[in-house]
Amino acid sequence: MPQRALIEGRAALIVIDIQASTFIDHSDTRAIPNMPEYAARMVLARQASDQARASAIPVIFVQEVHHPSKIDFGRELDGDEDVHCLEDQPGTAIAAEQMDFRPHDHLIRKRRYSAFFGTDLEILLKGYGIDTLILVGGLTDVCVQYTFVDGHQHDYFCRVIEDCVAGSGIEAHTASLKAMEYLQTGAIRSLSEVLDAMKAAES
């Protein structure tokens, strides 16, 4: 296969599940386990969203949210995760201050791991004529990977900013990055590489 550019065609930045709980829940036992330096990696994602706006790249926030009745969890609680992201909990909101969420940014609400599953994401991407998805957020081994795989199967070029994603644990995080790189060679990129590519896309 020919070597692909970091950004092929038109790009969109997909900010996955960077929600308020990341910055207000400092307990040792969380509903969803986080690897060390999780919050710091989410903070770094702000650099990507700032540069995306400067480069006229759409910024699409994805928010996991569940009804207080828990009717929409399905099998999600059959594993290691406890109840999380209920609509009536303050931690479920997008981390608007930390990520500088703006009125013209897009918000996709999801009930499952993939940002594609049962949402309007595909309609939005087609409307913009997007070719490349740049992913940041968490968890690397759950919502980021599931979104990546669905994007891959919908024939998007998918890129993950390694510095700006974090998993449920270091081992799971590393394994997921390897699995995504297996699907698309060159998918895993550094923040500095992506920022340079975004700047180059301005011209």
N, C-alpha and C. Protein backbone atom coordinates (compact mmCIF):
# COMPACT_ATOMS: atom_id res chain seq x y z
N MET A 1 0.84 -1.19 0.00
CA MET A 1 0.00 0.00 0.00
C MET A 1 0.88 1.25 0.00
N PRO A 2 0.45 2.32 -0.69
CA PRO A 2 1.23 3.56 -0.67
C PRO A 2 1.23 4.18 0.72
N GLN A 3 2.30 4.92 1.03
CA GLN A 3 2.35 5.60 2.31
C GLN A 3 1.34 6.73 2.32
N ARG A 4 0.56 6.81 3.39
CA ARG A 4 -0.49 7.80 3.48
C ARG A 4 -0.02 9.03 4.24
N ALA A 5 -0.56 10.18 3.87
CA ALA A 5 -0.30 11.40 4.63
C ALA A 5 -1.01 11.33 5.97
N LEU A 6 -0.54 12.10 6.93
CA LEU A 6 -1.23 12.12 8.22
C LEU A 6 -2.67 12.58 8.04
N ILE A 7 -2.84 13.66 7.28
CA ILE A 7 -4.19 14.12 6.93
C ILE A 7 -4.41 13.88 5.44
N GLU A 8 -5.33 13.00 5.12
CA GLU A 8 -5.74 12.75 3.74
C GLU A 8 -7.06 13.48 3.51
N GLY A 9 -7.11 14.33 2.49
CA GLY A 9 -8.34 15.06 2.23
C GLY A 9 -8.67 16.02 3.36
N ARG A 10 -9.93 16.03 3.77
CA ARG A 10 -10.38 16.93 4.84
C ARG A 10 -10.48 16.17 6.15
N ALA A 11 -10.05 16.82 7.23
CA ALA A 11 -10.01 16.17 8.55
C ALA A 11 -11.06 16.73 9.49
N ALA A 12 -11.40 15.92 10.49
CA ALA A 12 -12.21 16.36 11.63
C ALA A 12 -11.53 15.84 12.89
N LEU A 13 -11.57 16.64 13.95
CA LEU A 13 -11.06 16.21 15.24
C LEU A 13 -12.23 15.66 16.06
N ILE A 14 -12.10 14.41 16.50
CA ILE A 14 -13.14 13.75 17.28
C ILE A 14 -12.66 13.67 18.73
N VAL A 15 -13.33 14.40 19.62
CA VAL A 15 -12.95 14.48 21.03
C VAL A 15 -13.87 13.54 21.80
N ILE A 16 -13.34 12.41 22.22
CA ILE A 16 -14.16 11.32 22.74
C ILE A 16 -14.19 11.33 24.28
N ASP A 17 -15.35 11.59 24.82
CA ASP A 17 -15.64 11.39 26.25
C ASP A 17 -14.69 12.12 27.19
N ILE A 18 -14.30 13.33 26.84
CA ILE A 18 -13.57 14.16 27.80
C ILE A 18 -14.63 14.92 28.58
N GLN A 19 -15.03 14.35 29.69
CA GLN A 19 -16.18 14.82 30.45
C GLN A 19 -15.75 15.31 31.83
N ALA A 20 -16.65 16.02 32.48
CA ALA A 20 -16.32 16.74 33.71
C ALA A 20 -15.78 15.82 34.80
N SER A 21 -16.24 14.58 34.84
CA SER A 21 -15.81 13.66 35.90
C SER A 21 -14.30 13.46 35.92
N THR A 22 -13.66 13.60 34.75
CA THR A 22 -12.21 13.45 34.68
C THR A 22 -11.51 14.43 35.62
N PHE A 23 -12.11 15.59 35.82
CA PHE A 23 -11.45 16.66 36.56
C PHE A 23 -12.04 16.91 37.94
N ILE A 24 -13.16 16.23 38.25
CA ILE A 24 -13.76 16.45 39.57
C ILE A 24 -13.78 15.19 40.43
N ASP A 25 -13.54 14.04 39.84
CA ASP A 25 -13.54 12.79 40.59
C ASP A 25 -12.10 12.32 40.80
N HIS A 26 -11.59 12.52 42.03
CA HIS A 26 -10.21 12.16 42.34
C HIS A 26 -10.14 10.96 43.28
N SER A 27 -11.22 10.20 43.36
CA SER A 27 -11.26 9.06 44.27
C SER A 27 -10.37 7.93 43.77
N ASP A 28 -9.92 7.10 44.69
CA ASP A 28 -9.08 5.96 44.33
C ASP A 28 -9.87 4.90 43.56
N THR A 29 -11.15 4.76 43.92
CA THR A 29 -12.01 3.78 43.25
C THR A 29 -13.02 4.53 42.39
N ARG A 30 -12.93 4.35 41.09
CA ARG A 30 -13.80 5.05 40.15
C ARG A 30 -14.74 4.06 39.46
N ALA A 31 -15.85 4.58 38.92
CA ALA A 31 -16.79 3.72 38.20
C ALA A 31 -16.12 3.06 37.00
N ILE A 32 -15.17 3.78 36.40
CA ILE A 32 -14.39 3.26 35.29
C ILE A 32 -12.92 3.43 35.64
N PRO A 33 -12.11 2.37 35.62
CA PRO A 33 -10.69 2.50 35.97
C PRO A 33 -9.94 3.37 34.96
N ASN A 34 -8.97 4.13 35.44
CA ASN A 34 -8.14 5.00 34.59
C ASN A 34 -6.67 4.71 34.83
N MET A 35 -5.88 4.73 33.77
CA MET A 35 -4.44 4.59 33.89
C MET A 35 -3.84 5.85 34.52
N PRO A 36 -2.61 5.78 35.03
CA PRO A 36 -1.96 6.97 35.58
C PRO A 36 -1.84 8.08 34.53
N GLU A 37 -1.88 9.33 35.01
CA GLU A 37 -1.76 10.52 34.15
C GLU A 37 -2.94 10.67 33.18
N TYR A 38 -4.05 10.05 33.51
CA TYR A 38 -5.22 10.13 32.62
C TYR A 38 -5.64 11.58 32.38
N ALA A 39 -5.88 12.33 33.46
CA ALA A 39 -6.37 13.70 33.31
C ALA A 39 -5.37 14.58 32.56
N ALA A 40 -4.08 14.38 32.82
CA ALA A 40 -3.06 15.18 32.14
C ALA A 40 -3.09 14.96 30.63
N ARG A 41 -3.35 13.74 30.21
CA ARG A 41 -3.45 13.44 28.78
C ARG A 41 -4.67 14.10 28.16
N MET A 42 -5.76 14.17 28.93
CA MET A 42 -6.96 14.83 28.42
C MET A 42 -6.71 16.34 28.28
N VAL A 43 -5.98 16.92 29.21
CA VAL A 43 -5.65 18.35 29.14
C VAL A 43 -4.85 18.65 27.88
N LEU A 44 -3.92 17.76 27.52
CA LEU A 44 -3.12 17.95 26.31
C LEU A 44 -3.99 18.03 25.05
N ALA A 45 -5.13 17.35 25.09
CA ALA A 45 -6.03 17.35 23.92
C ALA A 45 -6.52 18.75 23.59
N ARG A 46 -6.50 19.65 24.56
CA ARG A 46 -6.92 21.05 24.32
C ARG A 46 -6.04 21.69 23.24
N GLN A 47 -4.77 21.34 23.19
CA GLN A 47 -3.90 21.88 22.15
C GLN A 47 -4.37 21.47 20.76
N ALA A 48 -4.85 20.24 20.66
CA ALA A 48 -5.34 19.75 19.37
C ALA A 48 -6.61 20.48 18.95
N SER A 49 -7.52 20.68 19.90
CA SER A 49 -8.78 21.36 19.55
C SER A 49 -8.53 22.84 19.22
N ASP A 50 -7.60 23.48 19.93
CA ASP A 50 -7.27 24.89 19.63
C ASP A 50 -6.70 25.02 18.22
N GLN A 51 -5.79 24.13 17.87
CA GLN A 51 -5.18 24.21 16.54
C GLN A 51 -6.17 23.81 15.46
N ALA A 52 -7.05 22.86 15.75
CA ALA A 52 -8.05 22.47 14.76
C ALA A 52 -8.92 23.66 14.39
N ARG A 53 -9.37 24.41 15.38
CA ARG A 53 -10.20 25.59 15.08
C ARG A 53 -9.42 26.61 14.26
N ALA A 54 -8.15 26.82 14.63
CA ALA A 54 -7.32 27.77 13.89
C ALA A 54 -7.11 27.34 12.44
N SER A 55 -7.18 26.04 12.20
CA SER A 55 -6.97 25.50 10.85
C SER A 55 -8.29 25.19 10.14
N ALA A 56 -9.40 25.66 10.69
CA ALA A 56 -10.73 25.44 10.10
C ALA A 56 -11.07 23.96 9.97
N ILE A 57 -10.58 23.16 10.94
CA ILE A 57 -10.91 21.74 11.02
C ILE A 57 -12.06 21.59 12.01
N PRO A 58 -13.16 20.96 11.62
CA PRO A 58 -14.30 20.81 12.54
C PRO A 58 -13.90 20.06 13.81
N VAL A 59 -14.41 20.54 14.95
CA VAL A 59 -14.19 19.89 16.23
C VAL A 59 -15.51 19.26 16.67
N ILE A 60 -15.52 17.95 16.83
CA ILE A 60 -16.73 17.21 17.16
C ILE A 60 -16.53 16.55 18.52
N PHE A 61 -17.28 17.00 19.51
CA PHE A 61 -17.22 16.41 20.84
C PHE A 61 -18.20 15.25 20.94
N VAL A 62 -17.76 14.20 21.58
CA VAL A 62 -18.60 13.03 21.79
C VAL A 62 -18.78 12.85 23.30
N GLN A 63 -20.02 12.67 23.71
CA GLN A 63 -20.36 12.56 25.13
C GLN A 63 -21.12 11.27 25.38
N GLU A 64 -20.55 10.43 26.25
CA GLU A 64 -21.31 9.25 26.68
C GLU A 64 -22.33 9.67 27.73
N VAL A 65 -23.56 9.24 27.56
CA VAL A 65 -24.62 9.65 28.49
C VAL A 65 -25.66 8.54 28.57
N HIS A 66 -26.18 8.32 29.77
CA HIS A 66 -27.17 7.27 29.99
C HIS A 66 -28.35 7.81 30.78
N HIS A 67 -29.52 7.26 30.51
CA HIS A 67 -30.74 7.66 31.22
C HIS A 67 -30.66 7.24 32.68
N PRO A 68 -31.18 8.07 33.60
CA PRO A 68 -31.13 7.70 35.03
C PRO A 68 -31.75 6.35 35.36
N SER A 69 -32.67 5.88 34.52
CA SER A 69 -33.29 4.57 34.74
C SER A 69 -32.33 3.42 34.44
N LYS A 70 -31.24 3.73 33.76
CA LYS A 70 -30.22 2.74 33.34
C LYS A 70 -30.74 1.80 32.25
N ILE A 71 -31.86 2.14 31.64
CA ILE A 71 -32.48 1.27 30.65
C ILE A 71 -31.61 1.09 29.40
N ASP A 72 -30.72 2.06 29.15
CA ASP A 72 -29.95 2.05 27.90
C ASP A 72 -28.53 1.51 28.06
N PHE A 73 -28.19 0.93 29.21
CA PHE A 73 -26.85 0.39 29.40
C PHE A 73 -26.62 -0.91 28.63
N GLY A 74 -27.67 -1.69 28.43
CA GLY A 74 -27.48 -2.97 27.75
C GLY A 74 -26.50 -3.85 28.49
N ARG A 75 -25.51 -4.38 27.78
CA ARG A 75 -24.52 -5.27 28.38
C ARG A 75 -23.31 -4.51 28.93
N GLU A 76 -23.36 -3.19 28.93
CA GLU A 76 -22.18 -2.39 29.29
C GLU A 76 -21.72 -2.62 30.72
N LEU A 77 -22.61 -3.05 31.61
CA LEU A 77 -22.24 -3.24 33.01
C LEU A 77 -21.88 -4.69 33.33
N ASP A 78 -21.76 -5.52 32.30
CA ASP A 78 -21.42 -6.92 32.51
C ASP A 78 -19.93 -7.15 32.73
N GLY A 79 -19.12 -6.11 32.48
CA GLY A 79 -17.67 -6.23 32.65
C GLY A 79 -17.19 -5.53 33.90
N ASP A 80 -16.09 -4.80 33.78
CA ASP A 80 -15.47 -4.15 34.94
C ASP A 80 -16.07 -2.79 35.27
N GLU A 81 -16.90 -2.24 34.39
CA GLU A 81 -17.42 -0.89 34.61
C GLU A 81 -18.65 -0.89 35.50
N ASP A 82 -18.70 0.10 36.40
CA ASP A 82 -19.87 0.33 37.24
C ASP A 82 -20.75 1.37 36.55
N VAL A 83 -21.87 1.71 37.15
CA VAL A 83 -22.78 2.72 36.59
C VAL A 83 -22.02 4.04 36.44
N HIS A 84 -22.18 4.69 35.28
CA HIS A 84 -21.45 5.93 34.99
C HIS A 84 -22.22 6.75 33.97
N CYS A 85 -21.87 8.03 33.89
CA CYS A 85 -22.37 8.95 32.86
C CYS A 85 -23.90 9.05 32.82
N LEU A 86 -24.52 9.09 33.98
CA LEU A 86 -25.98 9.31 34.02
C LEU A 86 -26.29 10.76 33.71
N GLU A 87 -27.42 10.97 33.03
CA GLU A 87 -27.80 12.31 32.58
C GLU A 87 -27.88 13.33 33.72
N ASP A 88 -28.28 12.89 34.90
CA ASP A 88 -28.51 13.82 36.01
C ASP A 88 -27.29 14.00 36.90
N GLN A 89 -26.12 13.53 36.47
CA GLN A 89 -24.90 13.69 37.26
C GLN A 89 -24.03 14.79 36.66
N PRO A 90 -23.51 15.70 37.51
CA PRO A 90 -22.69 16.80 36.98
C PRO A 90 -21.44 16.33 36.26
N GLY A 91 -20.90 15.18 36.64
CA GLY A 91 -19.70 14.67 36.00
C GLY A 91 -19.90 14.22 34.57
N THR A 92 -21.15 14.08 34.15
CA THR A 92 -21.44 13.60 32.80
C THR A 92 -21.27 14.69 31.75
N ALA A 93 -21.36 15.94 32.16
CA ALA A 93 -21.25 17.06 31.21
C ALA A 93 -19.90 17.06 30.51
N ILE A 94 -19.86 17.60 29.30
CA ILE A 94 -18.60 17.82 28.62
C ILE A 94 -17.71 18.70 29.49
N ALA A 95 -16.42 18.46 29.51
CA ALA A 95 -15.49 19.30 30.27
C ALA A 95 -15.30 20.61 29.51
N ALA A 96 -16.33 21.44 29.55
CA ALA A 96 -16.40 22.63 28.71
C ALA A 96 -15.29 23.62 28.99
N GLU A 97 -15.00 23.85 30.25
CA GLU A 97 -13.96 24.83 30.59
C GLU A 97 -12.58 24.33 30.18
N GLN A 98 -12.26 23.10 30.54
CA GLN A 98 -10.93 22.56 30.23
C GLN A 98 -10.70 22.43 28.73
N MET A 99 -11.76 22.13 27.97
CA MET A 99 -11.62 21.93 26.52
C MET A 99 -12.07 23.12 25.71
N ASP A 100 -12.48 24.20 26.38
CA ASP A 100 -12.96 25.41 25.69
C ASP A 100 -14.06 25.07 24.68
N PHE A 101 -15.03 24.31 25.15
CA PHE A 101 -16.17 23.94 24.29
C PHE A 101 -16.91 25.21 23.86
N ARG A 102 -17.14 25.35 22.56
CA ARG A 102 -17.71 26.58 22.00
C ARG A 102 -19.04 26.29 21.31
N PRO A 103 -19.87 27.33 21.16
CA PRO A 103 -21.20 27.12 20.56
C PRO A 103 -21.17 26.52 19.17
N HIS A 104 -20.13 26.83 18.38
CA HIS A 104 -20.09 26.29 17.01
C HIS A 104 -19.44 24.91 16.94
N ASP A 105 -18.93 24.40 18.06
CA ASP A 105 -18.47 23.01 18.08
C ASP A 105 -19.68 22.08 18.02
N HIS A 106 -19.47 20.88 17.53
CA HIS A 106 -20.56 19.91 17.44
C HIS A 106 -20.52 18.98 18.65
N LEU A 107 -21.69 18.49 19.04
CA LEU A 107 -21.80 17.56 20.16
C LEU A 107 -22.62 16.35 19.72
N ILE A 108 -22.01 15.18 19.84
CA ILE A 108 -22.66 13.91 19.55
C ILE A 108 -22.83 13.17 20.87
N ARG A 109 -24.05 12.81 21.20
CA ARG A 109 -24.30 12.05 22.43
C ARG A 109 -24.46 10.57 22.05
N LYS A 110 -23.81 9.70 22.81
CA LYS A 110 -23.86 8.28 22.48
C LYS A 110 -24.24 7.45 23.70
N ARG A 111 -24.85 6.30 23.43
CA ARG A 111 -25.26 5.37 24.48
C ARG A 111 -24.40 4.11 24.50
N ARG A 112 -23.53 4.00 23.54
CA ARG A 112 -22.66 2.84 23.42
C ARG A 112 -21.22 3.31 23.26
N TYR A 113 -20.29 2.38 23.14
CA TYR A 113 -18.87 2.74 23.09
C TYR A 113 -18.50 3.51 21.83
N SER A 114 -18.92 3.04 20.68
CA SER A 114 -18.56 3.67 19.42
C SER A 114 -19.34 4.97 19.21
N ALA A 115 -18.63 6.00 18.75
CA ALA A 115 -19.29 7.27 18.43
C ALA A 115 -20.18 7.16 17.20
N PHE A 116 -20.05 6.06 16.45
CA PHE A 116 -20.88 5.84 15.27
C PHE A 116 -22.20 5.15 15.60
N PHE A 117 -22.22 4.36 16.66
CA PHE A 117 -23.34 3.45 16.92
C PHE A 117 -24.56 4.22 17.43
N GLY A 118 -25.61 4.27 16.60
CA GLY A 118 -26.86 4.90 17.00
C GLY A 118 -26.80 6.41 17.15
N THR A 119 -25.85 7.06 16.45
CA THR A 119 -25.71 8.52 16.55
C THR A 119 -25.80 9.16 15.16
N ASP A 120 -25.68 10.49 15.14
CA ASP A 120 -25.71 11.25 13.89
C ASP A 120 -24.31 11.53 13.36
N LEU A 121 -23.28 10.88 13.90
CA LEU A 121 -21.91 11.22 13.50
C LEU A 121 -21.69 11.05 12.01
N GLU A 122 -22.16 9.96 11.44
CA GLU A 122 -21.92 9.70 10.02
C GLU A 122 -22.55 10.80 9.15
N ILE A 123 -23.73 11.24 9.50
CA ILE A 123 -24.39 12.32 8.75
C ILE A 123 -23.55 13.59 8.80
N LEU A 124 -23.04 13.90 9.98
CA LEU A 124 -22.22 15.10 10.16
C LEU A 124 -20.93 15.01 9.35
N LEU A 125 -20.27 13.86 9.39
CA LEU A 125 -19.02 13.70 8.65
C LEU A 125 -19.25 13.80 7.15
N LYS A 126 -20.33 13.22 6.66
CA LYS A 126 -20.64 13.29 5.23
C LYS A 126 -20.96 14.73 4.82
N GLY A 127 -21.64 15.45 5.71
CA GLY A 127 -21.96 16.84 5.42
C GLY A 127 -20.72 17.69 5.23
N TYR A 128 -19.70 17.42 6.02
CA TYR A 128 -18.45 18.16 5.91
C TYR A 128 -17.52 17.59 4.84
N GLY A 129 -17.83 16.43 4.32
CA GLY A 129 -16.95 15.79 3.34
C GLY A 129 -15.64 15.33 3.95
N ILE A 130 -15.72 14.75 5.14
CA ILE A 130 -14.53 14.37 5.88
C ILE A 130 -13.93 13.07 5.35
N ASP A 131 -12.61 13.05 5.28
CA ASP A 131 -11.86 11.86 4.88
C ASP A 131 -11.05 11.27 6.04
N THR A 132 -10.52 12.14 6.91
CA THR A 132 -9.62 11.72 7.99
C THR A 132 -10.21 12.06 9.34
N LEU A 133 -10.21 11.08 10.24
CA LEU A 133 -10.66 11.30 11.61
C LEU A 133 -9.43 11.32 12.51
N ILE A 134 -9.30 12.38 13.31
CA ILE A 134 -8.23 12.49 14.29
C ILE A 134 -8.87 12.33 15.66
N LEU A 135 -8.45 11.30 16.40
CA LEU A 135 -9.11 10.93 17.64
C LEU A 135 -8.28 11.30 18.86
N VAL A 136 -8.96 11.88 19.86
CA VAL A 136 -8.37 12.11 21.18
C VAL A 136 -9.41 11.71 22.22
N GLY A 137 -8.97 11.49 23.47
CA GLY A 137 -9.92 11.21 24.54
C GLY A 137 -9.73 9.83 25.16
N GLY A 138 -10.81 9.28 25.65
CA GLY A 138 -10.70 8.01 26.36
C GLY A 138 -11.96 7.17 26.24
N LEU A 139 -11.88 5.96 26.66
CA LEU A 139 -10.68 5.22 27.01
C LEU A 139 -10.05 4.67 25.72
N THR A 140 -8.73 4.62 25.68
CA THR A 140 -8.05 4.10 24.50
C THR A 140 -8.57 2.72 24.12
N ASP A 141 -8.72 1.85 25.12
CA ASP A 141 -9.06 0.45 24.88
C ASP A 141 -10.56 0.20 24.78
N VAL A 142 -11.36 1.26 24.90
CA VAL A 142 -12.82 1.07 24.80
C VAL A 142 -13.37 2.03 23.75
N CYS A 143 -13.79 3.22 24.14
CA CYS A 143 -14.50 4.09 23.21
C CYS A 143 -13.64 4.60 22.06
N VAL A 144 -12.35 4.86 22.32
CA VAL A 144 -11.48 5.29 21.23
C VAL A 144 -11.29 4.16 20.23
N GLN A 145 -10.98 2.97 20.72
CA GLN A 145 -10.75 1.85 19.80
C GLN A 145 -12.02 1.46 19.04
N TYR A 146 -13.15 1.43 19.72
CA TYR A 146 -14.40 1.07 19.04
C TYR A 146 -14.75 2.10 17.97
N THR A 147 -14.53 3.37 18.26
CA THR A 147 -14.79 4.41 17.27
C THR A 147 -13.82 4.30 16.11
N PHE A 148 -12.56 4.05 16.42
CA PHE A 148 -11.54 3.86 15.38
C PHE A 148 -11.94 2.72 14.44
N VAL A 149 -12.32 1.58 15.01
CA VAL A 149 -12.66 0.41 14.20
C VAL A 149 -13.86 0.72 13.30
N ASP A 150 -14.89 1.37 13.85
CA ASP A 150 -16.04 1.71 13.02
C ASP A 150 -15.66 2.72 11.94
N GLY A 151 -14.80 3.68 12.28
CA GLY A 151 -14.33 4.62 11.26
C GLY A 151 -13.55 3.91 10.17
N HIS A 152 -12.71 2.98 10.57
CA HIS A 152 -11.94 2.18 9.62
C HIS A 152 -12.87 1.39 8.69
N GLN A 153 -13.90 0.80 9.26
CA GLN A 153 -14.83 0.00 8.45
C GLN A 153 -15.75 0.87 7.59
N HIS A 154 -15.84 2.15 7.90
CA HIS A 154 -16.56 3.09 7.04
C HIS A 154 -15.61 3.78 6.05
N ASP A 155 -14.36 3.29 5.99
CA ASP A 155 -13.36 3.73 5.02
C ASP A 155 -12.82 5.13 5.27
N TYR A 156 -12.83 5.58 6.52
CA TYR A 156 -12.13 6.82 6.87
C TYR A 156 -10.67 6.51 7.16
N PHE A 157 -9.81 7.48 6.90
CA PHE A 157 -8.44 7.41 7.39
C PHE A 157 -8.52 7.81 8.87
N CYS A 158 -7.98 6.97 9.74
CA CYS A 158 -8.11 7.20 11.18
C CYS A 158 -6.74 7.42 11.80
N ARG A 159 -6.65 8.49 12.60
CA ARG A 159 -5.41 8.81 13.29
C ARG A 159 -5.72 8.99 14.78
N VAL A 160 -4.82 8.54 15.63
CA VAL A 160 -4.96 8.68 17.07
C VAL A 160 -3.76 9.46 17.60
N ILE A 161 -4.01 10.52 18.36
CA ILE A 161 -2.91 11.27 18.96
C ILE A 161 -2.51 10.55 20.25
N GLU A 162 -1.37 9.89 20.21
CA GLU A 162 -0.96 9.01 21.31
C GLU A 162 -0.87 9.75 22.64
N ASP A 163 -0.38 11.00 22.61
CA ASP A 163 -0.23 11.78 23.84
C ASP A 163 -1.56 12.17 24.46
N CYS A 164 -2.64 12.12 23.68
CA CYS A 164 -3.93 12.68 24.08
C CYS A 164 -5.02 11.64 24.24
N VAL A 165 -4.62 10.39 24.40
CA VAL A 165 -5.57 9.32 24.73
C VAL A 165 -5.04 8.58 25.96
N ALA A 166 -5.95 7.96 26.71
CA ALA A 166 -5.56 7.20 27.89
C ALA A 166 -6.56 6.07 28.10
N GLY A 167 -6.05 4.96 28.64
CA GLY A 167 -6.88 3.77 28.77
C GLY A 167 -7.24 3.43 30.20
N SER A 168 -7.85 2.26 30.35
CA SER A 168 -8.24 1.78 31.68
C SER A 168 -7.02 1.33 32.47
N GLY A 169 -5.95 1.04 31.78
CA GLY A 169 -4.68 0.66 32.38
C GLY A 169 -3.61 0.76 31.32
N ILE A 170 -2.36 0.80 31.73
CA ILE A 170 -1.28 0.99 30.77
C ILE A 170 -1.20 -0.17 29.78
N GLU A 171 -1.34 -1.39 30.27
CA GLU A 171 -1.24 -2.56 29.39
C GLU A 171 -2.35 -2.54 28.34
N ALA A 172 -3.58 -2.25 28.77
CA ALA A 172 -4.70 -2.20 27.83
C ALA A 172 -4.53 -1.05 26.84
N HIS A 173 -4.07 0.09 27.32
CA HIS A 173 -3.80 1.26 26.47
C HIS A 173 -2.80 0.91 25.37
N THR A 174 -1.69 0.30 25.77
CA THR A 174 -0.64 -0.04 24.81
C THR A 174 -1.12 -1.07 23.80
N ALA A 175 -1.84 -2.07 24.26
CA ALA A 175 -2.35 -3.11 23.36
C ALA A 175 -3.32 -2.52 22.34
N SER A 176 -4.15 -1.59 22.76
CA SER A 176 -5.12 -0.99 21.84
C SER A 176 -4.43 -0.13 20.79
N LEU A 177 -3.43 0.63 21.20
CA LEU A 177 -2.68 1.40 20.21
C LEU A 177 -2.07 0.48 19.16
N LYS A 178 -1.53 -0.64 19.60
CA LYS A 178 -0.94 -1.62 18.67
C LYS A 178 -2.00 -2.20 17.74
N ALA A 179 -3.19 -2.48 18.29
CA ALA A 179 -4.26 -3.05 17.47
C ALA A 179 -4.74 -2.06 16.41
N MET A 180 -4.82 -0.78 16.77
CA MET A 180 -5.26 0.23 15.80
C MET A 180 -4.20 0.46 14.73
N GLU A 181 -2.93 0.46 15.15
CA GLU A 181 -1.84 0.60 14.17
C GLU A 181 -1.83 -0.58 13.20
N TYR A 182 -2.23 -1.75 13.66
CA TYR A 182 -2.32 -2.92 12.80
C TYR A 182 -3.33 -2.69 11.68
N LEU A 183 -4.44 -2.03 12.00
CA LEU A 183 -5.49 -1.80 11.00
C LEU A 183 -5.08 -0.74 9.97
N GLN A 184 -4.40 0.30 10.43
CA GLN A 184 -3.96 1.36 9.51
C GLN A 184 -2.54 1.77 9.90
N THR A 185 -1.60 1.40 9.07
CA THR A 185 -0.21 1.76 9.33
C THR A 185 -0.06 3.27 9.36
N GLY A 186 0.58 3.77 10.42
CA GLY A 186 0.73 5.21 10.57
C GLY A 186 -0.41 5.87 11.30
N ALA A 187 -1.30 5.07 11.88
CA ALA A 187 -2.47 5.63 12.58
C ALA A 187 -2.09 6.31 13.88
N ILE A 188 -1.08 5.83 14.57
CA ILE A 188 -0.72 6.36 15.88
C ILE A 188 0.32 7.45 15.70
N ARG A 189 -0.03 8.67 16.10
CA ARG A 189 0.81 9.84 15.86
C ARG A 189 1.01 10.64 17.14
N SER A 190 2.09 11.41 17.18
CA SER A 190 2.34 12.28 18.33
C SER A 190 1.57 13.58 18.18
N LEU A 191 1.37 14.27 19.30
CA LEU A 191 0.68 15.56 19.26
C LEU A 191 1.43 16.54 18.38
N SER A 192 2.74 16.58 18.49
CA SER A 192 3.51 17.54 17.69
C SER A 192 3.35 17.28 16.20
N GLU A 193 3.33 16.01 15.80
CA GLU A 193 3.13 15.67 14.38
C GLU A 193 1.77 16.17 13.90
N VAL A 194 0.74 15.94 14.71
CA VAL A 194 -0.61 16.32 14.31
C VAL A 194 -0.76 17.83 14.25
N LEU A 195 -0.19 18.54 15.22
CA LEU A 195 -0.26 20.00 15.20
C LEU A 195 0.40 20.56 13.94
N ASP A 196 1.56 19.99 13.56
CA ASP A 196 2.24 20.43 12.34
C ASP A 196 1.39 20.16 11.11
N ALA A 197 0.74 18.99 11.07
CA ALA A 197 -0.09 18.65 9.92
C ALA A 197 -1.31 19.56 9.84
N MET A 198 -1.90 19.90 10.99
CA MET A 198 -3.03 20.84 11.01
C MET A 198 -2.62 22.21 10.50
N LYS A 199 -1.45 22.68 10.94
CA LYS A 199 -0.97 23.98 10.47
C LYS A 199 -0.74 23.98 8.97
N ALA A 200 -0.19 22.88 8.47
CA ALA A 200 0.04 22.76 7.03
C ALA A 200 -1.26 22.74 6.25
N ALA A 201 -2.31 22.25 6.87
CA ALA A 201 -3.62 22.17 6.21
C ALA A 201 -4.26 23.55 6.07
N GLU A 202 -3.78 24.56 6.80
CA GLU A 202 -4.33 25.91 6.71
C GLU A 202 -4.11 26.50 5.33
N SER A 203 -2.96 26.16 4.71
CA SER A 203 -2.61 26.78 3.43
C SER A 203 -3.26 26.05 2.27
